[in-house]
Amino acid sequence: MRKIVQRTGPRWNAPAPFDPARELGAALLEPTRIYVKSCLAVLRETKAIKALAHITGGGFPDNIPRVLPKGLGVMLDLKRVPVPAIFRWLADVGEVAELEMLRTFNCGVGMMAVVAPEKADAVGSALIREGEKVVSIGEVVAIAHDAARVAYRGHLDLAW
Protein backbone atom coordinates (compact mmCIF):
# COMPACT_ATOMS: atom_id res chain seq x y z
CA MET A 1 0.00 0.00 0.00
CA ARG A 2 2.76 2.42 0.92
CA LYS A 3 4.35 2.15 -2.53
CA ILE A 4 1.03 2.68 -4.26
CA VAL A 5 0.35 5.84 -2.25
CA GLN A 6 3.89 7.16 -2.79
CA ARG A 7 3.68 6.54 -6.52
CA THR A 8 0.17 7.92 -7.05
CA GLY A 9 0.62 11.08 -5.00
CA PRO A 10 -2.16 11.58 -2.43
CA ARG A 11 -0.92 12.77 0.93
CA TRP A 12 -1.53 10.60 3.98
CA ASN A 13 -3.65 13.34 5.59
CA ALA A 14 -5.72 13.98 2.42
CA PRO A 15 -9.27 12.67 2.19
CA ALA A 16 -9.28 9.02 1.12
CA PRO A 17 -10.42 8.80 -2.52
CA PHE A 18 -12.59 5.79 -1.62
CA ASP A 19 -13.96 7.37 1.60
CA PRO A 20 -13.67 11.20 1.61
CA ALA A 21 -14.93 11.42 5.20
CA ARG A 22 -11.65 9.85 6.41
CA GLU A 23 -7.98 10.68 6.01
CA LEU A 24 -6.18 8.32 3.64
CA GLY A 25 -3.58 7.26 6.24
CA ALA A 26 -6.20 6.48 8.87
CA ALA A 27 -8.29 4.49 6.40
CA LEU A 28 -5.31 2.43 5.23
CA LEU A 29 -4.16 1.75 8.78
CA GLU A 30 -7.54 0.63 10.09
CA PRO A 31 -6.88 -2.31 12.43
CA THR A 32 -7.75 -5.84 11.41
CA ARG A 33 -11.17 -6.93 12.56
CA ILE A 34 -11.05 -9.38 15.46
CA TYR A 35 -13.33 -12.40 15.00
CA VAL A 36 -12.57 -14.36 18.17
CA LYS A 37 -15.74 -13.56 20.12
CA SER A 38 -18.17 -14.21 17.28
CA CYS A 39 -16.38 -17.32 16.00
CA LEU A 40 -16.15 -18.88 19.47
CA ALA A 41 -19.85 -18.22 20.07
CA VAL A 42 -20.81 -19.84 16.75
CA LEU A 43 -18.43 -22.78 17.30
CA ARG A 44 -20.11 -23.46 20.65
CA GLU A 45 -23.66 -22.90 19.40
CA THR A 46 -23.57 -24.87 16.15
CA LYS A 47 -20.68 -27.31 16.60
CA ALA A 48 -20.65 -27.25 12.79
CA ILE A 49 -17.51 -25.32 11.82
CA LYS A 50 -14.84 -27.68 10.55
CA ALA A 51 -12.13 -25.04 10.08
CA LEU A 52 -11.52 -21.30 10.15
CA ALA A 53 -9.01 -19.45 7.97
CA HIS A 54 -8.10 -15.88 8.88
CA ILE A 55 -7.36 -14.21 5.54
CA THR A 56 -4.39 -11.96 6.30
CA GLY A 57 -1.05 -11.33 4.61
CA GLY A 58 -0.66 -14.11 2.08
CA GLY A 59 -4.28 -13.65 1.11
CA PHE A 60 -6.32 -16.54 -0.21
CA PRO A 61 -3.67 -18.89 -1.68
CA ASP A 62 -1.50 -19.03 1.45
CA ASN A 63 -4.07 -18.99 4.26
CA ILE A 64 -6.85 -21.30 3.07
CA PRO A 65 -4.72 -24.42 2.41
CA ARG A 66 -3.41 -24.32 5.99
CA VAL A 67 -6.81 -25.42 7.32
CA LEU A 68 -7.52 -28.16 4.77
CA PRO A 69 -6.32 -31.75 4.83
CA LYS A 70 -4.23 -33.07 1.95
CA GLY A 71 -6.27 -33.91 -1.10
CA LEU A 72 -8.73 -31.05 -0.55
CA GLY A 73 -8.81 -27.55 -1.97
CA VAL A 74 -11.37 -24.83 -2.58
CA MET A 75 -13.10 -23.46 -5.63
CA LEU A 76 -13.93 -19.81 -4.97
CA ASP A 77 -16.51 -17.88 -6.97
CA LEU A 78 -14.91 -14.44 -7.12
CA LYS A 79 -18.11 -12.80 -8.41
CA ARG A 80 -19.57 -13.38 -4.94
CA VAL A 81 -16.82 -11.51 -3.08
CA PRO A 82 -18.12 -8.04 -2.09
CA VAL A 83 -14.91 -6.07 -2.69
CA PRO A 84 -14.73 -2.91 -0.53
CA ALA A 85 -13.88 0.38 -2.23
CA ILE A 86 -10.42 0.55 -0.62
CA PHE A 87 -9.33 -2.60 -2.49
CA ARG A 88 -10.90 -1.49 -5.78
CA TRP A 89 -8.98 1.79 -5.43
CA LEU A 90 -5.70 0.04 -4.63
CA ALA A 91 -6.10 -2.31 -7.61
CA ASP A 92 -6.90 0.56 -9.94
CA VAL A 93 -4.36 3.22 -9.00
CA GLY A 94 -1.68 0.67 -8.15
CA GLU A 95 -2.34 -1.29 -11.34
CA VAL A 96 -2.43 -4.46 -9.24
CA ALA A 97 -3.56 -7.58 -11.11
CA GLU A 98 -6.39 -9.68 -9.71
CA LEU A 99 -4.20 -12.66 -8.75
CA GLU A 100 -1.79 -10.34 -6.94
CA MET A 101 -4.72 -8.73 -5.09
CA LEU A 102 -5.83 -12.21 -3.98
CA ARG A 103 -2.29 -13.11 -2.89
CA THR A 104 -1.57 -9.86 -1.04
CA PHE A 105 -4.88 -8.66 0.40
CA ASN A 106 -8.00 -10.21 1.85
CA CYS A 107 -10.13 -8.17 -0.59
CA GLY A 108 -12.73 -7.77 2.16
CA VAL A 109 -12.91 -11.40 3.29
CA GLY A 110 -11.41 -11.38 6.76
CA MET A 111 -12.38 -14.85 7.92
CA MET A 112 -13.42 -17.97 6.06
CA ALA A 113 -15.37 -20.78 7.71
CA VAL A 114 -15.33 -24.30 6.32
CA VAL A 115 -18.73 -25.85 6.94
CA ALA A 116 -20.61 -28.89 5.62
CA PRO A 117 -23.14 -27.70 3.01
CA GLU A 118 -26.10 -28.90 5.07
CA LYS A 119 -24.91 -26.78 8.05
CA ALA A 120 -24.09 -23.61 6.09
CA ASP A 121 -27.41 -21.86 6.70
CA ALA A 122 -27.30 -22.52 10.45
CA VAL A 123 -23.71 -21.29 10.75
CA GLY A 124 -24.43 -18.27 8.56
CA SER A 125 -27.46 -17.31 10.64
CA ALA A 126 -25.49 -17.69 13.87
CA LEU A 127 -22.67 -15.50 12.52
CA ILE A 128 -25.17 -12.84 11.47
CA ARG A 129 -26.68 -12.88 14.97
CA GLU A 130 -23.14 -12.27 16.26
CA GLY A 131 -22.88 -9.18 14.06
CA GLU A 132 -20.87 -10.61 11.17
CA LYS A 133 -21.52 -10.20 7.46
CA VAL A 134 -21.79 -13.58 5.74
CA VAL A 135 -21.24 -14.44 2.09
CA SER A 136 -20.91 -17.94 0.67
CA ILE A 137 -18.03 -17.67 -1.80
CA GLY A 138 -17.08 -21.22 -2.62
CA GLU A 139 -16.86 -24.88 -1.87
CA VAL A 140 -14.36 -27.46 -0.72
CA VAL A 141 -13.35 -29.81 -3.54
CA ALA A 142 -11.20 -32.90 -3.94
CA ILE A 143 -8.01 -32.13 -5.86
CA ALA A 144 -5.28 -34.07 -7.62
CA HIS A 145 -1.93 -34.35 -5.86
CA ASP A 146 -0.29 -31.64 -8.00
CA ALA A 147 -3.32 -29.31 -8.36
CA ALA A 148 -3.59 -25.82 -6.88
CA ARG A 149 -5.24 -25.87 -3.47
CA VAL A 150 -7.14 -22.67 -4.23
CA ALA A 151 -8.85 -22.26 -7.60
CA TYR A 152 -11.01 -19.42 -8.84
CA ARG A 153 -14.11 -19.07 -10.97
CA GLY A 154 -15.18 -15.65 -12.26
CA HIS A 155 -13.47 -12.38 -11.37
CA LEU A 156 -13.41 -9.88 -8.54
CA ASP A 157 -15.32 -6.66 -9.11
CA LEU A 158 -12.30 -4.36 -9.07
CA ALA A 159 -13.90 -1.57 -11.12
CA TRP A 160 -13.16 1.78 -9.58
C-alpha atoms as a PDB file:
ATOM      1  CA  MET A   1       0.000   0.000   0.000  1.00  0.00           C
ATOM      2  CA  ARG A   2       2.760   2.421   0.924  1.00  0.00           C
ATOM      3  CA  LYS A   3       4.351   2.153  -2.526  1.00  0.00           C
ATOM      4  CA  ILE A   4       1.027   2.681  -4.261  1.00  0.00           C
ATOM      5  CA  VAL A   5       0.352   5.842  -2.245  1.00  0.00           C
ATOM      6  CA  GLN A   6       3.887   7.163  -2.789  1.00  0.00           C
ATOM      7  CA  ARG A   7       3.675   6.540  -6.520  1.00  0.00           C
ATOM      8  CA  THR A   8       0.170   7.924  -7.048  1.00  0.00           C
ATOM      9  CA  GLY A   9       0.616  11.080  -4.998  1.00  0.00           C
ATOM     10  CA  PRO A  10      -2.162  11.583  -2.434  1.00  0.00           C
ATOM     11  CA  ARG A  11      -0.924  12.773   0.928  1.00  0.00           C
ATOM     12  CA  TRP A  12      -1.528  10.604   3.977  1.00  0.00           C
ATOM     13  CA  ASN A  13      -3.651  13.341   5.586  1.00  0.00           C
ATOM     14  CA  ALA A  14      -5.725  13.976   2.425  1.00  0.00           C
ATOM     15  CA  PRO A  15      -9.272  12.666   2.188  1.00  0.00           C
ATOM     16  CA  ALA A  16      -9.276   9.024   1.124  1.00  0.00           C
ATOM     17  CA  PRO A  17     -10.422   8.797  -2.517  1.00  0.00           C
ATOM     18  CA  PHE A  18     -12.588   5.792  -1.617  1.00  0.00           C
ATOM     19  CA  ASP A  19     -13.964   7.370   1.598  1.00  0.00           C
ATOM     20  CA  PRO A  20     -13.674  11.204   1.605  1.00  0.00           C
ATOM     21  CA  ALA A  21     -14.932  11.417   5.204  1.00  0.00           C
ATOM     22  CA  ARG A  22     -11.649   9.848   6.409  1.00  0.00           C
ATOM     23  CA  GLU A  23      -7.982  10.683   6.009  1.00  0.00           C
ATOM     24  CA  LEU A  24      -6.179   8.318   3.641  1.00  0.00           C
ATOM     25  CA  GLY A  25      -3.584   7.262   6.238  1.00  0.00           C
ATOM     26  CA  ALA A  26      -6.205   6.483   8.873  1.00  0.00           C
ATOM     27  CA  ALA A  27      -8.294   4.486   6.399  1.00  0.00           C
ATOM     28  CA  LEU A  28      -5.314   2.431   5.231  1.00  0.00           C
ATOM     29  CA  LEU A  29      -4.157   1.746   8.783  1.00  0.00           C
ATOM     30  CA  GLU A  30      -7.536   0.626  10.094  1.00  0.00           C
ATOM     31  CA  PRO A  31      -6.884  -2.305  12.432  1.00  0.00           C
ATOM     32  CA  THR A  32      -7.745  -5.840  11.407  1.00  0.00           C
ATOM     33  CA  ARG A  33     -11.171  -6.928  12.559  1.00  0.00           C
ATOM     34  CA  ILE A  34     -11.047  -9.382  15.456  1.00  0.00           C
ATOM     35  CA  TYR A  35     -13.333 -12.396  15.005  1.00  0.00           C
ATOM     36  CA  VAL A  36     -12.571 -14.365  18.169  1.00  0.00           C
ATOM     37  CA  LYS A  37     -15.739 -13.563  20.115  1.00  0.00           C
ATOM     38  CA  SER A  38     -18.172 -14.207  17.275  1.00  0.00           C
ATOM     39  CA  CYS A  39     -16.378 -17.317  15.996  1.00  0.00           C
ATOM     40  CA  LEU A  40     -16.150 -18.877  19.465  1.00  0.00           C
ATOM     41  CA  ALA A  41     -19.847 -18.225  20.069  1.00  0.00           C
ATOM     42  CA  VAL A  42     -20.813 -19.845  16.755  1.00  0.00           C
ATOM     43  CA  LEU A  43     -18.431 -22.777  17.298  1.00  0.00           C
ATOM     44  CA  ARG A  44     -20.110 -23.457  20.647  1.00  0.00           C
ATOM     45  CA  GLU A  45     -23.659 -22.896  19.399  1.00  0.00           C
ATOM     46  CA  THR A  46     -23.575 -24.866  16.154  1.00  0.00           C
ATOM     47  CA  LYS A  47     -20.680 -27.305  16.602  1.00  0.00           C
ATOM     48  CA  ALA A  48     -20.650 -27.254  12.794  1.00  0.00           C
ATOM     49  CA  ILE A  49     -17.513 -25.318  11.822  1.00  0.00           C
ATOM     50  CA  LYS A  50     -14.839 -27.678  10.548  1.00  0.00           C
ATOM     51  CA  ALA A  51     -12.130 -25.044  10.082  1.00  0.00           C
ATOM     52  CA  LEU A  52     -11.518 -21.304  10.150  1.00  0.00           C
ATOM     53  CA  ALA A  53      -9.013 -19.454   7.973  1.00  0.00           C
ATOM     54  CA  HIS A  54      -8.098 -15.881   8.876  1.00  0.00           C
ATOM     55  CA  ILE A  55      -7.363 -14.214   5.544  1.00  0.00           C
ATOM     56  CA  THR A  56      -4.395 -11.961   6.305  1.00  0.00           C
ATOM     57  CA  GLY A  57      -1.046 -11.326   4.610  1.00  0.00           C
ATOM     58  CA  GLY A  58      -0.664 -14.106   2.076  1.00  0.00           C
ATOM     59  CA  GLY A  59      -4.276 -13.654   1.106  1.00  0.00           C
ATOM     60  CA  PHE A  60      -6.315 -16.538  -0.206  1.00  0.00           C
ATOM     61  CA  PRO A  61      -3.673 -18.893  -1.677  1.00  0.00           C
ATOM     62  CA  ASP A  62      -1.500 -19.033   1.454  1.00  0.00           C
ATOM     63  CA  ASN A  63      -4.069 -18.986   4.256  1.00  0.00           C
ATOM     64  CA  ILE A  64      -6.849 -21.297   3.072  1.00  0.00           C
ATOM     65  CA  PRO A  65      -4.724 -24.424   2.406  1.00  0.00           C
ATOM     66  CA  ARG A  66      -3.412 -24.323   5.985  1.00  0.00           C
ATOM     67  CA  VAL A  67      -6.806 -25.425   7.319  1.00  0.00           C
ATOM     68  CA  LEU A  68      -7.522 -28.158   4.770  1.00  0.00           C
ATOM     69  CA  PRO A  69      -6.320 -31.753   4.831  1.00  0.00           C
ATOM     70  CA  LYS A  70      -4.229 -33.066   1.946  1.00  0.00           C
ATOM     71  CA  GLY A  71      -6.275 -33.910  -1.105  1.00  0.00           C
ATOM     72  CA  LEU A  72      -8.727 -31.052  -0.551  1.00  0.00           C
ATOM     73  CA  GLY A  73      -8.811 -27.548  -1.967  1.00  0.00           C
ATOM     74  CA  VAL A  74     -11.370 -24.832  -2.576  1.00  0.00           C
ATOM     75  CA  MET A  75     -13.103 -23.456  -5.635  1.00  0.00           C
ATOM     76  CA  LEU A  76     -13.930 -19.812  -4.970  1.00  0.00           C
ATOM     77  CA  ASP A  77     -16.514 -17.875  -6.967  1.00  0.00           C
ATOM     78  CA  LEU A  78     -14.912 -14.437  -7.125  1.00  0.00           C
ATOM     79  CA  LYS A  79     -18.106 -12.799  -8.410  1.00  0.00           C
ATOM     80  CA  ARG A  80     -19.571 -13.379  -4.938  1.00  0.00           C
ATOM     81  CA  VAL A  81     -16.817 -11.507  -3.078  1.00  0.00           C
ATOM     82  CA  PRO A  82     -18.117  -8.039  -2.092  1.00  0.00           C
ATOM     83  CA  VAL A  83     -14.907  -6.075  -2.691  1.00  0.00           C
ATOM     84  CA  PRO A  84     -14.728  -2.909  -0.527  1.00  0.00           C
ATOM     85  CA  ALA A  85     -13.883   0.379  -2.233  1.00  0.00           C
ATOM     86  CA  ILE A  86     -10.416   0.545  -0.620  1.00  0.00           C
ATOM     87  CA  PHE A  87      -9.334  -2.603  -2.494  1.00  0.00           C
ATOM     88  CA  ARG A  88     -10.897  -1.490  -5.781  1.00  0.00           C
ATOM     89  CA  TRP A  89      -8.984   1.790  -5.426  1.00  0.00           C
ATOM     90  CA  LEU A  90      -5.695   0.035  -4.628  1.00  0.00           C
ATOM     91  CA  ALA A  91      -6.104  -2.312  -7.606  1.00  0.00           C
ATOM     92  CA  ASP A  92      -6.901   0.559  -9.943  1.00  0.00           C
ATOM     93  CA  VAL A  93      -4.364   3.223  -8.999  1.00  0.00           C
ATOM     94  CA  GLY A  94      -1.684   0.666  -8.145  1.00  0.00           C
ATOM     95  CA  GLU A  95      -2.340  -1.294 -11.336  1.00  0.00           C
ATOM     96  CA  VAL A  96      -2.431  -4.458  -9.239  1.00  0.00           C
ATOM     97  CA  ALA A  97      -3.561  -7.580 -11.113  1.00  0.00           C
ATOM     98  CA  GLU A  98      -6.390  -9.683  -9.712  1.00  0.00           C
ATOM     99  CA  LEU A  99      -4.204 -12.659  -8.750  1.00  0.00           C
ATOM    100  CA  GLU A 100      -1.793 -10.338  -6.936  1.00  0.00           C
ATOM    101  CA  MET A 101      -4.722  -8.735  -5.086  1.00  0.00           C
ATOM    102  CA  LEU A 102      -5.828 -12.210  -3.981  1.00  0.00           C
ATOM    103  CA  ARG A 103      -2.289 -13.109  -2.890  1.00  0.00           C
ATOM    104  CA  THR A 104      -1.572  -9.857  -1.045  1.00  0.00           C
ATOM    105  CA  PHE A 105      -4.878  -8.661   0.399  1.00  0.00           C
ATOM    106  CA  ASN A 106      -8.004 -10.212   1.846  1.00  0.00           C
ATOM    107  CA  CYS A 107     -10.134  -8.166  -0.595  1.00  0.00           C
ATOM    108  CA  GLY A 108     -12.729  -7.769   2.156  1.00  0.00           C
ATOM    109  CA  VAL A 109     -12.911 -11.397   3.292  1.00  0.00           C
ATOM    110  CA  GLY A 110     -11.413 -11.379   6.763  1.00  0.00           C
ATOM    111  CA  MET A 111     -12.379 -14.854   7.916  1.00  0.00           C
ATOM    112  CA  MET A 112     -13.418 -17.967   6.063  1.00  0.00           C
ATOM    113  CA  ALA A 113     -15.372 -20.776   7.711  1.00  0.00           C
ATOM    114  CA  VAL A 114     -15.330 -24.300   6.316  1.00  0.00           C
ATOM    115  CA  VAL A 115     -18.729 -25.849   6.940  1.00  0.00           C
ATOM    116  CA  ALA A 116     -20.613 -28.888   5.617  1.00  0.00           C
ATOM    117  CA  PRO A 117     -23.144 -27.700   3.012  1.00  0.00           C
ATOM    118  CA  GLU A 118     -26.103 -28.901   5.074  1.00  0.00           C
ATOM    119  CA  LYS A 119     -24.914 -26.783   8.047  1.00  0.00           C
ATOM    120  CA  ALA A 120     -24.086 -23.611   6.089  1.00  0.00           C
ATOM    121  CA  ASP A 121     -27.414 -21.860   6.701  1.00  0.00           C
ATOM    122  CA  ALA A 122     -27.303 -22.516  10.450  1.00  0.00           C
ATOM    123  CA  VAL A 123     -23.715 -21.292  10.750  1.00  0.00           C
ATOM    124  CA  GLY A 124     -24.435 -18.274   8.558  1.00  0.00           C
ATOM    125  CA  SER A 125     -27.460 -17.313  10.642  1.00  0.00           C
ATOM    126  CA  ALA A 126     -25.487 -17.690  13.869  1.00  0.00           C
ATOM    127  CA  LEU A 127     -22.672 -15.505  12.517  1.00  0.00           C
ATOM    128  CA  ILE A 128     -25.167 -12.841  11.465  1.00  0.00           C
ATOM    129  CA  ARG A 129     -26.678 -12.879  14.975  1.00  0.00           C
ATOM    130  CA  GLU A 130     -23.139 -12.272  16.264  1.00  0.00           C
ATOM    131  CA  GLY A 131     -22.877  -9.179  14.060  1.00  0.00           C
ATOM    132  CA  GLU A 132     -20.873 -10.614  11.166  1.00  0.00           C
ATOM    133  CA  LYS A 133     -21.525 -10.203   7.456  1.00  0.00           C
ATOM    134  CA  VAL A 134     -21.789 -13.580   5.738  1.00  0.00           C
ATOM    135  CA  VAL A 135     -21.241 -14.437   2.089  1.00  0.00           C
ATOM    136  CA  SER A 136     -20.915 -17.936   0.673  1.00  0.00           C
ATOM    137  CA  ILE A 137     -18.032 -17.668  -1.802  1.00  0.00           C
ATOM    138  CA  GLY A 138     -17.075 -21.217  -2.622  1.00  0.00           C
ATOM    139  CA  GLU A 139     -16.857 -24.880  -1.868  1.00  0.00           C
ATOM    140  CA  VAL A 140     -14.359 -27.461  -0.716  1.00  0.00           C
ATOM    141  CA  VAL A 141     -13.347 -29.812  -3.536  1.00  0.00           C
ATOM    142  CA  ALA A 142     -11.196 -32.899  -3.945  1.00  0.00           C
ATOM    143  CA  ILE A 143      -8.010 -32.128  -5.862  1.00  0.00           C
ATOM    144  CA  ALA A 144      -5.281 -34.066  -7.621  1.00  0.00           C
ATOM    145  CA  HIS A 145      -1.928 -34.345  -5.860  1.00  0.00           C
ATOM    146  CA  ASP A 146      -0.292 -31.636  -7.995  1.00  0.00           C
ATOM    147  CA  ALA A 147      -3.323 -29.312  -8.356  1.00  0.00           C
ATOM    148  CA  ALA A 148      -3.590 -25.822  -6.881  1.00  0.00           C
ATOM    149  CA  ARG A 149      -5.239 -25.872  -3.467  1.00  0.00           C
ATOM    150  CA  VAL A 150      -7.135 -22.668  -4.232  1.00  0.00           C
ATOM    151  CA  ALA A 151      -8.846 -22.265  -7.601  1.00  0.00           C
ATOM    152  CA  TYR A 152     -11.006 -19.425  -8.844  1.00  0.00           C
ATOM    153  CA  ARG A 153     -14.107 -19.067 -10.967  1.00  0.00           C
ATOM    154  CA  GLY A 154     -15.183 -15.650 -12.257  1.00  0.00           C
ATOM    155  CA  HIS A 155     -13.468 -12.379 -11.371  1.00  0.00           C
ATOM    156  CA  LEU A 156     -13.410  -9.877  -8.538  1.00  0.00           C
ATOM    157  CA  ASP A 157     -15.325  -6.661  -9.111  1.00  0.00           C
ATOM    158  CA  LEU A 158     -12.303  -4.358  -9.067  1.00  0.00           C
ATOM    159  CA  ALA A 159     -13.902  -1.575 -11.123  1.00  0.00           C
ATOM    160  CA  TRP A 160     -13.160   1.782  -9.581  1.00  0.00           C
END
